[in-house]
Amino acid sequence: MAINKAMRIALKALSYPDLDLKKTYKLQRQMTNAAHPYIKPLYEMWDHTVSLIDHDIPVRVFLPSKEVTVRRILIFFHGGGWVIGNIDSYTTVCSNMAKQTGHMVVSVDYRLAPEYKFPAAPEDCYAVTKEIFMKVTELFDIKQEDITLIGDSAGGNLAAVVSLMARDRGEFLPSRQILLYPSVGNNHSENSPYPSVIENGTDYLLTAKRITDFMELYKSCEEDLQNPYLAPILSKDLSKQPKTLIITAQYDPLRDEGELYGKKLYEFGNEVEIFRMKDALHGFISLPRHFVHVKRSYDLINHFLNK
């Protein structure tokens, strides 16, 4: 459904252009959790932890149903600007993802900024992904090539970054990744090289200011903004990356950088599919499953996974 005049007015009112995220992120975490209540009995899932030397990383595992023998895994990294969101607020999304794709979904509760700044989040996501790759055959009788990374927004960033880290460290290599309206750049100011930041940066819920505030909370220092593990589009070498599906949203400030990242992946010899979801806003995968953009996304995702 196209965005009509009344809807545009409502979106503009909800975009909170003057909200200071750096002062209110704790309140917004509480509001996000309250808006997505966690009701465990409704889902085929269980909780687990991946233990590192100095901390544990919670994960939540979702199954399509008790009756299905699962042969493939989606490792999911949630959105929220590396600052808000968690496995509870994404439980409905991941439950639906498991049912729609027939995959086991493993949702990673990585550490959040600003308490844990870059590179805590990608290191947590890498550690969980490595654990799954190293033990998947033993634990689940699933092949490594049947593991796909997937994430939305900041989680799309983390999926892309884990794939880069995996290539660079040589311990494992994902065969597929799905990036939903990913954040892959580092400039969302009025001088941004991406037209969508200017066109969609004020009136469509996710604002350019909000993205900039997220990055300010996430980075440890100014030099981090030039690090490809924070902004993967800056990587000078995007070779040997997984087969990639990128889905962007028409009215999203992150639209153009996500699509350009896909084109750069292709230029380095990778297999890439890029789709722009018409009339969609950032974050649409969290909408109820009957929404048209969610249905279309899973049509694309399943086609990509089952080729």
C-alpha atoms as a PDB file:
ATOM      1  CA  MET A   1       0.000   0.000   0.000  1.00  0.00           C
ATOM      2  CA  ALA A   2       1.409   3.385  -0.987  1.00  0.00           C
ATOM      3  CA  ILE A   3       2.046   6.042   1.649  1.00  0.00           C
ATOM      4  CA  ASN A   4      -0.753   8.595   1.341  1.00  0.00           C
ATOM      5  CA  LYS A   5      -0.810  12.185   2.607  1.00  0.00           C
ATOM      6  CA  ALA A   6      -2.432  11.364   5.959  1.00  0.00           C
ATOM      7  CA  MET A   7       0.080   8.601   6.609  1.00  0.00           C
ATOM      8  CA  ARG A   8       2.966  10.913   5.746  1.00  0.00           C
ATOM      9  CA  ILE A   9       1.736  13.439   8.307  1.00  0.00           C
ATOM     10  CA  ALA A  10       1.477  10.742  10.956  1.00  0.00           C
ATOM     11  CA  LEU A  11       4.959   9.415  10.159  1.00  0.00           C
ATOM     12  CA  LYS A  12       6.437  12.895  10.395  1.00  0.00           C
ATOM     13  CA  ALA A  13       4.850  13.402  13.806  1.00  0.00           C
ATOM     14  CA  LEU A  14       6.274  10.087  15.020  1.00  0.00           C
ATOM     15  CA  SER A  15       9.804  10.707  13.774  1.00  0.00           C
ATOM     16  CA  TYR A  16      10.849  12.755  16.834  1.00  0.00           C
ATOM     17  CA  PRO A  17      13.448  14.936  15.106  1.00  0.00           C
ATOM     18  CA  ASP A  18      14.637  16.530  18.370  1.00  0.00           C
ATOM     19  CA  LEU A  19      14.807  13.390  20.502  1.00  0.00           C
ATOM     20  CA  ASP A  20      18.250  12.972  22.080  1.00  0.00           C
ATOM     21  CA  LEU A  21      18.934   9.252  21.843  1.00  0.00           C
ATOM     22  CA  LYS A  22      22.155   9.581  23.800  1.00  0.00           C
ATOM     23  CA  LYS A  23      20.144  10.671  26.847  1.00  0.00           C
ATOM     24  CA  THR A  24      17.103   8.444  26.401  1.00  0.00           C
ATOM     25  CA  TYR A  25      18.448   5.092  25.153  1.00  0.00           C
ATOM     26  CA  LYS A  26      17.716   3.316  28.456  1.00  0.00           C
ATOM     27  CA  LEU A  27      14.091   4.481  28.385  1.00  0.00           C
ATOM     28  CA  GLN A  28      13.790   3.402  24.759  1.00  0.00           C
ATOM     29  CA  ARG A  29      15.093  -0.057  25.656  1.00  0.00           C
ATOM     30  CA  GLN A  30      12.338  -0.339  28.262  1.00  0.00           C
ATOM     31  CA  MET A  31       9.716   0.845  25.779  1.00  0.00           C
ATOM     32  CA  THR A  32      10.939  -1.647  23.169  1.00  0.00           C
ATOM     33  CA  ASN A  33      10.735  -4.531  25.635  1.00  0.00           C
ATOM     34  CA  ALA A  34       7.284  -3.451  26.802  1.00  0.00           C
ATOM     35  CA  ALA A  35       6.054  -3.332  23.211  1.00  0.00           C
ATOM     36  CA  HIS A  36       7.249  -6.899  22.578  1.00  0.00           C
ATOM     37  CA  PRO A  37       6.253  -9.031  25.581  1.00  0.00           C
ATOM     38  CA  TYR A  38       8.023 -12.360  25.927  1.00  0.00           C
ATOM     39  CA  ILE A  39       5.560 -15.253  26.298  1.00  0.00           C
ATOM     40  CA  LYS A  40       7.618 -18.425  26.230  1.00  0.00           C
ATOM     41  CA  PRO A  41       4.852 -21.101  26.015  1.00  0.00           C
ATOM     42  CA  LEU A  42       3.732 -19.805  22.604  1.00  0.00           C
ATOM     43  CA  TYR A  43       6.940 -20.814  20.853  1.00  0.00           C
ATOM     44  CA  GLU A  44       8.915 -23.951  20.008  1.00  0.00           C
ATOM     45  CA  MET A  45      12.199 -22.730  21.461  1.00  0.00           C
ATOM     46  CA  TRP A  46      14.786 -22.998  24.173  1.00  0.00           C
ATOM     47  CA  ASP A  47      17.486 -20.774  25.681  1.00  0.00           C
ATOM     48  CA  HIS A  48      21.198 -21.511  25.725  1.00  0.00           C
ATOM     49  CA  THR A  49      24.466 -19.668  26.393  1.00  0.00           C
ATOM     50  CA  VAL A  50      27.791 -19.586  24.596  1.00  0.00           C
ATOM     51  CA  SER A  51      30.496 -19.208  27.237  1.00  0.00           C
ATOM     52  CA  LEU A  52      33.623 -17.161  26.592  1.00  0.00           C
ATOM     53  CA  ILE A  53      36.516 -16.497  28.966  1.00  0.00           C
ATOM     54  CA  ASP A  54      35.053 -13.343  30.519  1.00  0.00           C
ATOM     55  CA  HIS A  55      31.315 -13.443  29.742  1.00  0.00           C
ATOM     56  CA  ASP A  56      28.423 -15.532  28.471  1.00  0.00           C
ATOM     57  CA  ILE A  57      26.394 -14.763  25.349  1.00  0.00           C
ATOM     58  CA  PRO A  58      22.714 -15.754  25.569  1.00  0.00           C
ATOM     59  CA  VAL A  59      21.123 -17.287  22.485  1.00  0.00           C
ATOM     60  CA  ARG A  60      17.561 -18.379  21.813  1.00  0.00           C
ATOM     61  CA  VAL A  61      16.866 -21.306  19.503  1.00  0.00           C
ATOM     62  CA  PHE A  62      13.590 -21.517  17.556  1.00  0.00           C
ATOM     63  CA  LEU A  63      12.195 -24.532  15.715  1.00  0.00           C
ATOM     64  CA  PRO A  64       9.519 -24.434  12.993  1.00  0.00           C
ATOM     65  CA  SER A  65       7.552 -27.111  14.899  1.00  0.00           C
ATOM     66  CA  LYS A  66       8.074 -30.218  16.979  1.00  0.00           C
ATOM     67  CA  GLU A  67       7.213 -32.463  14.044  1.00  0.00           C
ATOM     68  CA  VAL A  68       9.797 -31.137  11.560  1.00  0.00           C
ATOM     69  CA  THR A  69      13.333 -32.517  11.388  1.00  0.00           C
ATOM     70  CA  VAL A  70      15.400 -29.390  10.824  1.00  0.00           C
ATOM     71  CA  ARG A  71      18.306 -29.640   8.382  1.00  0.00           C
ATOM     72  CA  ARG A  72      19.260 -25.968   8.047  1.00  0.00           C
ATOM     73  CA  ILE A  73      20.058 -23.058  10.368  1.00  0.00           C
ATOM     74  CA  LEU A  74      19.618 -19.294  10.264  1.00  0.00           C
ATOM     75  CA  ILE A  75      21.888 -17.404  12.676  1.00  0.00           C
ATOM     76  CA  PHE A  76      20.012 -14.166  13.402  1.00  0.00           C
ATOM     77  CA  PHE A  77      21.430 -10.844  14.615  1.00  0.00           C
ATOM     78  CA  HIS A  78      18.790  -8.351  15.744  1.00  0.00           C
ATOM     79  CA  GLY A  79      18.520  -4.670  14.908  1.00  0.00           C
ATOM     80  CA  GLY A  80      18.281  -1.670  17.213  1.00  0.00           C
ATOM     81  CA  GLY A  81      21.325   0.404  16.326  1.00  0.00           C
ATOM     82  CA  TRP A  82      23.636  -1.772  18.458  1.00  0.00           C
ATOM     83  CA  VAL A  83      21.980   0.012  21.419  1.00  0.00           C
ATOM     84  CA  ILE A  84      18.414  -1.270  21.877  1.00  0.00           C
ATOM     85  CA  GLY A  85      16.681  -4.563  21.123  1.00  0.00           C
ATOM     86  CA  ASN A  86      17.400  -8.062  22.443  1.00  0.00           C
ATOM     87  CA  ILE A  87      16.323 -11.681  21.989  1.00  0.00           C
ATOM     88  CA  ASP A  88      13.095 -10.981  23.892  1.00  0.00           C
ATOM     89  CA  SER A  89      11.998  -8.077  21.692  1.00  0.00           C
ATOM     90  CA  TYR A  90      12.749 -10.166  18.574  1.00  0.00           C
ATOM     91  CA  THR A  91      11.178 -13.413  19.778  1.00  0.00           C
ATOM     92  CA  THR A  92       8.041 -12.993  17.663  1.00  0.00           C
ATOM     93  CA  VAL A  93      10.129 -12.110  14.600  1.00  0.00           C
ATOM     94  CA  CYS A  94      12.352 -15.175  15.050  1.00  0.00           C
ATOM     95  CA  SER A  95       9.474 -17.528  15.759  1.00  0.00           C
ATOM     96  CA  ASN A  96       7.789 -16.401  12.562  1.00  0.00           C
ATOM     97  CA  MET A  97      11.099 -16.663  10.698  1.00  0.00           C
ATOM     98  CA  ALA A  98      11.491 -20.297  11.759  1.00  0.00           C
ATOM     99  CA  LYS A  99       7.946 -21.145  10.677  1.00  0.00           C
ATOM    100  CA  GLN A 100       8.138 -19.260   7.375  1.00  0.00           C
ATOM    101  CA  THR A 101      11.500 -20.732   6.321  1.00  0.00           C
ATOM    102  CA  GLY A 102      11.465 -24.202   7.903  1.00  0.00           C
ATOM    103  CA  HIS A 103      14.881 -23.418   9.415  1.00  0.00           C
ATOM    104  CA  MET A 104      16.151 -23.579  12.961  1.00  0.00           C
ATOM    105  CA  VAL A 105      16.734 -19.939  13.966  1.00  0.00           C
ATOM    106  CA  VAL A 106      19.434 -19.067  16.493  1.00  0.00           C
ATOM    107  CA  SER A 107      18.996 -15.517  17.806  1.00  0.00           C
ATOM    108  CA  VAL A 108      22.109 -13.930  19.337  1.00  0.00           C
ATOM    109  CA  ASP A 109      21.843 -11.596  22.349  1.00  0.00           C
ATOM    110  CA  TYR A 110      25.084  -9.708  21.733  1.00  0.00           C
ATOM    111  CA  ARG A 111      26.307  -7.033  24.153  1.00  0.00           C
ATOM    112  CA  LEU A 112      24.879  -3.556  23.587  1.00  0.00           C
ATOM    113  CA  ALA A 113      26.454  -0.121  23.434  1.00  0.00           C
ATOM    114  CA  PRO A 114      27.192   2.235  25.077  1.00  0.00           C
ATOM    115  CA  GLU A 115      27.970  -0.079  27.996  1.00  0.00           C
ATOM    116  CA  TYR A 116      29.893  -2.298  25.566  1.00  0.00           C
ATOM    117  CA  LYS A 117      31.171  -0.332  22.623  1.00  0.00           C
ATOM    118  CA  PHE A 118      32.586  -1.483  19.294  1.00  0.00           C
ATOM    119  CA  PRO A 119      33.909  -4.119  18.688  1.00  0.00           C
ATOM    120  CA  ALA A 120      31.995  -5.974  21.454  1.00  0.00           C
ATOM    121  CA  ALA A 121      28.906  -6.672  19.303  1.00  0.00           C
ATOM    122  CA  PRO A 122      30.689  -8.127  16.251  1.00  0.00           C
ATOM    123  CA  GLU A 123      33.053 -10.141  18.458  1.00  0.00           C
ATOM    124  CA  ASP A 124      30.059 -11.683  20.283  1.00  0.00           C
ATOM    125  CA  CYS A 125      28.317 -12.463  17.000  1.00  0.00           C
ATOM    126  CA  TYR A 126      31.491 -13.966  15.573  1.00  0.00           C
ATOM    127  CA  ALA A 127      32.020 -16.103  18.690  1.00  0.00           C
ATOM    128  CA  VAL A 128      28.499 -17.559  18.534  1.00  0.00           C
ATOM    129  CA  THR A 129      28.747 -18.156  14.783  1.00  0.00           C
ATOM    130  CA  LYS A 130      32.096 -19.896  15.185  1.00  0.00           C
ATOM    131  CA  GLU A 131      30.675 -22.095  17.968  1.00  0.00           C
ATOM    132  CA  ILE A 132      27.796 -23.174  15.738  1.00  0.00           C
ATOM    133  CA  PHE A 133      30.024 -23.822  12.734  1.00  0.00           C
ATOM    134  CA  MET A 134      32.464 -25.875  14.780  1.00  0.00           C
ATOM    135  CA  LYS A 135      29.818 -28.012  16.500  1.00  0.00           C
ATOM    136  CA  VAL A 136      26.832 -28.098  14.139  1.00  0.00           C
ATOM    137  CA  THR A 137      27.557 -31.512  12.644  1.00  0.00           C
ATOM    138  CA  GLU A 138      28.114 -33.083  16.055  1.00  0.00           C
ATOM    139  CA  LEU A 139      25.093 -31.489  17.740  1.00  0.00           C
ATOM    140  CA  PHE A 140      22.480 -31.319  14.990  1.00  0.00           C
ATOM    141  CA  ASP A 141      23.738 -33.438  12.081  1.00  0.00           C
ATOM    142  CA  ILE A 142      23.585 -30.340   9.894  1.00  0.00           C
ATOM    143  CA  LYS A 143      26.228 -29.445   7.318  1.00  0.00           C
ATOM    144  CA  GLN A 144      28.155 -26.177   7.561  1.00  0.00           C
ATOM    145  CA  GLU A 145      27.012 -25.184   4.086  1.00  0.00           C
ATOM    146  CA  ASP A 146      23.419 -25.243   5.386  1.00  0.00           C
ATOM    147  CA  ILE A 147      24.057 -22.357   7.794  1.00  0.00           C
ATOM    148  CA  THR A 148      22.969 -18.870   6.717  1.00  0.00           C
ATOM    149  CA  LEU A 149      23.646 -15.555   8.477  1.00  0.00           C
ATOM    150  CA  ILE A 150      20.751 -13.099   8.628  1.00  0.00           C
ATOM    151  CA  GLY A 151      20.168  -9.764  10.337  1.00  0.00           C
ATOM    152  CA  ASP A 152      18.105  -6.621  10.079  1.00  0.00           C
ATOM    153  CA  SER A 153      19.413  -3.038  10.268  1.00  0.00           C
ATOM    154  CA  ALA A 154      22.325  -3.062  12.749  1.00  0.00           C
ATOM    155  CA  GLY A 155      21.951  -6.841  12.692  1.00  0.00           C
ATOM    156  CA  GLY A 156      22.424  -6.758   8.921  1.00  0.00           C
ATOM    157  CA  ASN A 157      25.609  -4.828   9.579  1.00  0.00           C
ATOM    158  CA  LEU A 158      26.726  -7.533  12.017  1.00  0.00           C
ATOM    159  CA  ALA A 159      25.977 -10.330   9.560  1.00  0.00           C
ATOM    160  CA  ALA A 160      28.073  -8.603   6.896  1.00  0.00           C
ATOM    161  CA  VAL A 161      30.862  -7.939   9.397  1.00  0.00           C
ATOM    162  CA  VAL A 162      30.925 -11.534  10.672  1.00  0.00           C
ATOM    163  CA  SER A 163      31.313 -12.706   7.067  1.00  0.00           C
ATOM    164  CA  LEU A 164      34.284 -10.356   6.611  1.00  0.00           C
ATOM    165  CA  MET A 165      35.818 -11.470   9.902  1.00  0.00           C
ATOM    166  CA  ALA A 166      35.333 -15.125   8.962  1.00  0.00           C
ATOM    167  CA  ARG A 167      37.195 -14.655   5.688  1.00  0.00           C
ATOM    168  CA  ASP A 168      39.983 -12.686   7.363  1.00  0.00           C
ATOM    169  CA  ARG A 169      40.469 -15.118  10.266  1.00  0.00           C
ATOM    170  CA  GLY A 170      40.125 -18.279   8.212  1.00  0.00           C
ATOM    171  CA  GLU A 171      38.313 -20.379  10.843  1.00  0.00           C
ATOM    172  CA  PHE A 172      35.075 -20.921   8.908  1.00  0.00           C
ATOM    173  CA  LEU A 173      33.205 -19.299   6.025  1.00  0.00           C
ATOM    174  CA  PRO A 174      29.430 -18.865   5.708  1.00  0.00           C
ATOM    175  CA  SER A 175      27.956 -19.864   2.365  1.00  0.00           C
ATOM    176  CA  ARG A 176      25.001 -17.447   2.467  1.00  0.00           C
ATOM    177  CA  GLN A 177      23.981 -14.191   4.143  1.00  0.00           C
ATOM    178  CA  ILE A 178      20.730 -12.228   4.151  1.00  0.00           C
ATOM    179  CA  LEU A 179      20.959  -8.512   4.923  1.00  0.00           C
ATOM    180  CA  LEU A 180      17.650  -6.774   5.636  1.00  0.00           C
ATOM    181  CA  TYR A 181      17.873  -2.974   5.188  1.00  0.00           C
ATOM    182  CA  PRO A 182      21.433  -3.112   6.589  1.00  0.00           C
ATOM    183  CA  SER A 183      23.479  -0.273   8.037  1.00  0.00           C
ATOM    184  CA  VAL A 184      26.828  -0.563   6.253  1.00  0.00           C
ATOM    185  CA  GLY A 185      28.070   3.046   5.938  1.00  0.00           C
ATOM    186  CA  ASN A 186      29.458   5.660   8.311  1.00  0.00           C
ATOM    187  CA  ASN A 187      28.098   9.023   7.154  1.00  0.00           C
ATOM    188  CA  HIS A 188      24.472   9.979   7.720  1.00  0.00           C
ATOM    189  CA  SER A 189      24.945  13.725   7.967  1.00  0.00           C
ATOM    190  CA  GLU A 190      23.765  16.391   5.540  1.00  0.00           C
ATOM    191  CA  ASN A 191      26.982  15.642   3.625  1.00  0.00           C
ATOM    192  CA  SER A 192      26.177  11.971   3.191  1.00  0.00           C
ATOM    193  CA  PRO A 193      27.042  10.499  -0.212  1.00  0.00           C
ATOM    194  CA  TYR A 194      23.768   8.544  -0.166  1.00  0.00           C
ATOM    195  CA  PRO A 195      20.708  10.415  -1.553  1.00  0.00           C
ATOM    196  CA  SER A 196      18.330   8.306   0.560  1.00  0.00           C
ATOM    197  CA  VAL A 197      19.797   9.832   3.737  1.00  0.00           C
ATOM    198  CA  ILE A 198      18.690  13.259   2.522  1.00  0.00           C
ATOM    199  CA  GLU A 199      15.410  12.130   0.945  1.00  0.00           C
ATOM    200  CA  ASN A 200      14.247   9.870   3.791  1.00  0.00           C
ATOM    201  CA  GLY A 201      16.240  11.156   6.752  1.00  0.00           C
ATOM    202  CA  THR A 202      13.588  13.160   8.620  1.00  0.00           C
ATOM    203  CA  ASP A 203      10.030  11.935   8.203  1.00  0.00           C
ATOM    204  CA  TYR A 204      10.024   8.124   8.097  1.00  0.00           C
ATOM    205  CA  LEU A 205      10.459   6.962  11.716  1.00  0.00           C
ATOM    206  CA  LEU A 206      14.171   6.137  11.445  1.00  0.00           C
ATOM    207  CA  THR A 207      15.840   9.533  11.043  1.00  0.00           C
ATOM    208  CA  ALA A 208      19.362  10.407   9.935  1.00  0.00           C
ATOM    209  CA  LYS A 209      19.914  12.034  13.341  1.00  0.00           C
ATOM    210  CA  ARG A 210      18.881   8.852  15.096  1.00  0.00           C
ATOM    211  CA  ILE A 211      21.333   6.786  13.020  1.00  0.00           C
ATOM    212  CA  THR A 212      24.119   9.255  13.828  1.00  0.00           C
ATOM    213  CA  ASP A 213      23.262   9.084  17.536  1.00  0.00           C
ATOM    214  CA  PHE A 214      23.362   5.288  17.434  1.00  0.00           C
ATOM    215  CA  MET A 215      26.816   5.373  15.871  1.00  0.00           C
ATOM    216  CA  GLU A 216      28.033   7.887  18.447  1.00  0.00           C
ATOM    217  CA  LEU A 217      26.970   5.508  21.204  1.00  0.00           C
ATOM    218  CA  TYR A 218      28.439   2.492  19.412  1.00  0.00           C
ATOM    219  CA  LYS A 219      31.911   3.671  18.406  1.00  0.00           C
ATOM    220  CA  SER A 220      34.823   3.640  20.848  1.00  0.00           C
ATOM    221  CA  CYS A 221      36.709   6.438  19.072  1.00  0.00           C
ATOM    222  CA  GLU A 222      36.582   8.472  15.872  1.00  0.00           C
ATOM    223  CA  GLU A 223      38.944   6.060  14.122  1.00  0.00           C
ATOM    224  CA  ASP A 224      36.307   3.312  14.441  1.00  0.00           C
ATOM    225  CA  LEU A 225      34.212   5.068  11.791  1.00  0.00           C
ATOM    226  CA  GLN A 226      36.866   4.119   9.212  1.00  0.00           C
ATOM    227  CA  ASN A 227      36.968   0.476  10.300  1.00  0.00           C
ATOM    228  CA  PRO A 228      35.344  -1.960   7.829  1.00  0.00           C
ATOM    229  CA  TYR A 229      34.200  -4.044  10.791  1.00  0.00           C
ATOM    230  CA  LEU A 230      32.005  -1.053  11.751  1.00  0.00           C
ATOM    231  CA  ALA A 231      31.211   0.187   8.223  1.00  0.00           C
ATOM    232  CA  PRO A 232      31.755  -2.787   5.861  1.00  0.00           C
ATOM    233  CA  ILE A 233      31.126  -0.724   2.739  1.00  0.00           C
ATOM    234  CA  LEU A 234      34.560   0.830   3.389  1.00  0.00           C
ATOM    235  CA  SER A 235      36.320  -2.509   2.930  1.00  0.00           C
ATOM    236  CA  LYS A 236      38.923  -2.419   0.176  1.00  0.00           C
ATOM    237  CA  ASP A 237      38.498  -6.147  -0.366  1.00  0.00           C
ATOM    238  CA  LEU A 238      35.042  -7.718  -0.527  1.00  0.00           C
ATOM    239  CA  SER A 239      36.163 -10.915  -2.226  1.00  0.00           C
ATOM    240  CA  LYS A 240      35.261 -14.414  -0.994  1.00  0.00           C
ATOM    241  CA  GLN A 241      32.006 -13.338   0.596  1.00  0.00           C
ATOM    242  CA  PRO A 242      28.869 -15.494   0.915  1.00  0.00           C
ATOM    243  CA  LYS A 243      26.084 -15.592  -1.618  1.00  0.00           C
ATOM    244  CA  THR A 244      24.097 -12.545  -0.562  1.00  0.00           C
ATOM    245  CA  LEU A 245      20.475 -11.421  -0.538  1.00  0.00           C
ATOM    246  CA  ILE A 246      19.917  -7.748   0.297  1.00  0.00           C
ATOM    247  CA  ILE A 247      16.406  -6.379   0.823  1.00  0.00           C
ATOM    248  CA  THR A 248      16.072  -2.618   1.280  1.00  0.00           C
ATOM    249  CA  ALA A 249      13.056  -0.369   1.981  1.00  0.00           C
ATOM    250  CA  GLN A 250      11.964   2.440  -0.316  1.00  0.00           C
ATOM    251  CA  TYR A 251      11.466   5.028   2.450  1.00  0.00           C
ATOM    252  CA  ASP A 252      14.587   4.237   4.456  1.00  0.00           C
ATOM    253  CA  PRO A 253      17.626   6.482   4.915  1.00  0.00           C
ATOM    254  CA  LEU A 254      19.783   3.331   4.800  1.00  0.00           C
ATOM    255  CA  ARG A 255      18.394   2.235   1.417  1.00  0.00           C
ATOM    256  CA  ASP A 256      21.157   3.469  -0.880  1.00  0.00           C
ATOM    257  CA  GLU A 257      24.130   2.294   1.168  1.00  0.00           C
ATOM    258  CA  GLY A 258      22.614  -1.192   1.415  1.00  0.00           C
ATOM    259  CA  GLU A 259      22.102  -1.369  -2.348  1.00  0.00           C
ATOM    260  CA  LEU A 260      25.564   0.034  -3.073  1.00  0.00           C
ATOM    261  CA  TYR A 261      27.083  -2.575  -0.759  1.00  0.00           C
ATOM    262  CA  GLY A 262      25.404  -5.262  -2.814  1.00  0.00           C
ATOM    263  CA  LYS A 263      26.815  -3.777  -6.020  1.00  0.00           C
ATOM    264  CA  LYS A 264      30.312  -3.661  -4.502  1.00  0.00           C
ATOM    265  CA  LEU A 265      30.016  -7.293  -3.429  1.00  0.00           C
ATOM    266  CA  TYR A 266      29.089  -8.167  -7.016  1.00  0.00           C
ATOM    267  CA  GLU A 267      32.051  -6.199  -8.390  1.00  0.00           C
ATOM    268  CA  PHE A 268      34.340  -8.371  -6.258  1.00  0.00           C
ATOM    269  CA  GLY A 269      32.965 -11.526  -7.856  1.00  0.00           C
ATOM    270  CA  ASN A 270      30.293 -12.545  -5.346  1.00  0.00           C
ATOM    271  CA  GLU A 271      26.769 -13.755  -6.142  1.00  0.00           C
ATOM    272  CA  VAL A 272      24.322 -11.057  -5.051  1.00  0.00           C
ATOM    273  CA  GLU A 273      20.588 -10.407  -5.269  1.00  0.00           C
ATOM    274  CA  ILE A 274      19.237  -6.947  -4.383  1.00  0.00           C
ATOM    275  CA  PHE A 275      15.551  -6.099  -3.954  1.00  0.00           C
ATOM    276  CA  ARG A 276      13.996  -2.770  -2.964  1.00  0.00           C
ATOM    277  CA  MET A 277      10.708  -3.231  -1.107  1.00  0.00           C
ATOM    278  CA  LYS A 278       8.270  -0.712  -2.590  1.00  0.00           C
ATOM    279  CA  ASP A 279       6.441   1.601  -0.143  1.00  0.00           C
ATOM    280  CA  ALA A 280       8.227   0.011   2.824  1.00  0.00           C
ATOM    281  CA  LEU A 281       9.726   1.689   5.881  1.00  0.00           C
ATOM    282  CA  HIS A 282      12.814   0.668   7.803  1.00  0.00           C
ATOM    283  CA  GLY A 283      12.127  -2.188  10.223  1.00  0.00           C
ATOM    284  CA  PHE A 284       9.264  -3.784   8.307  1.00  0.00           C
ATOM    285  CA  ILE A 285      10.296  -7.375   9.119  1.00  0.00           C
ATOM    286  CA  SER A 286       9.014  -6.746  12.675  1.00  0.00           C
ATOM    287  CA  LEU A 287       5.471  -6.150  11.418  1.00  0.00           C
ATOM    288  CA  PRO A 288       2.847  -8.893  11.892  1.00  0.00           C
ATOM    289  CA  ARG A 289       3.296 -11.761   9.442  1.00  0.00           C
ATOM    290  CA  HIS A 290       0.163 -10.971   7.430  1.00  0.00           C
ATOM    291  CA  PHE A 291       1.559  -7.593   6.259  1.00  0.00           C
ATOM    292  CA  VAL A 292       2.367  -7.554   2.564  1.00  0.00           C
ATOM    293  CA  HIS A 293       6.007  -6.505   3.022  1.00  0.00           C
ATOM    294  CA  VAL A 294       6.617  -9.381   5.421  1.00  0.00           C
ATOM    295  CA  LYS A 295       4.993 -11.861   3.039  1.00  0.00           C
ATOM    296  CA  ARG A 296       6.997 -10.577   0.085  1.00  0.00           C
ATOM    297  CA  SER A 297      10.208 -10.715   2.105  1.00  0.00           C
ATOM    298  CA  TYR A 298       9.732 -14.373   2.973  1.00  0.00           C
ATOM    299  CA  ASP A 299       8.940 -15.167  -0.643  1.00  0.00           C
ATOM    300  CA  LEU A 300      12.310 -13.657  -1.552  1.00  0.00           C
ATOM    301  CA  ILE A 301      14.117 -15.262   1.377  1.00  0.00           C
ATOM    302  CA  ASN A 302      12.765 -18.726   0.672  1.00  0.00           C
ATOM    303  CA  HIS A 303      13.563 -18.469  -3.013  1.00  0.00           C
ATOM    304  CA  PHE A 304      17.130 -17.488  -2.097  1.00  0.00           C
ATOM    305  CA  LEU A 305      17.508 -20.243   0.502  1.00  0.00           C
ATOM    306  CA  ASN A 306      16.041 -22.998  -1.637  1.00  0.00           C
ATOM    307  CA  LYS A 307      17.860 -22.367  -4.922  1.00  0.00           C
END
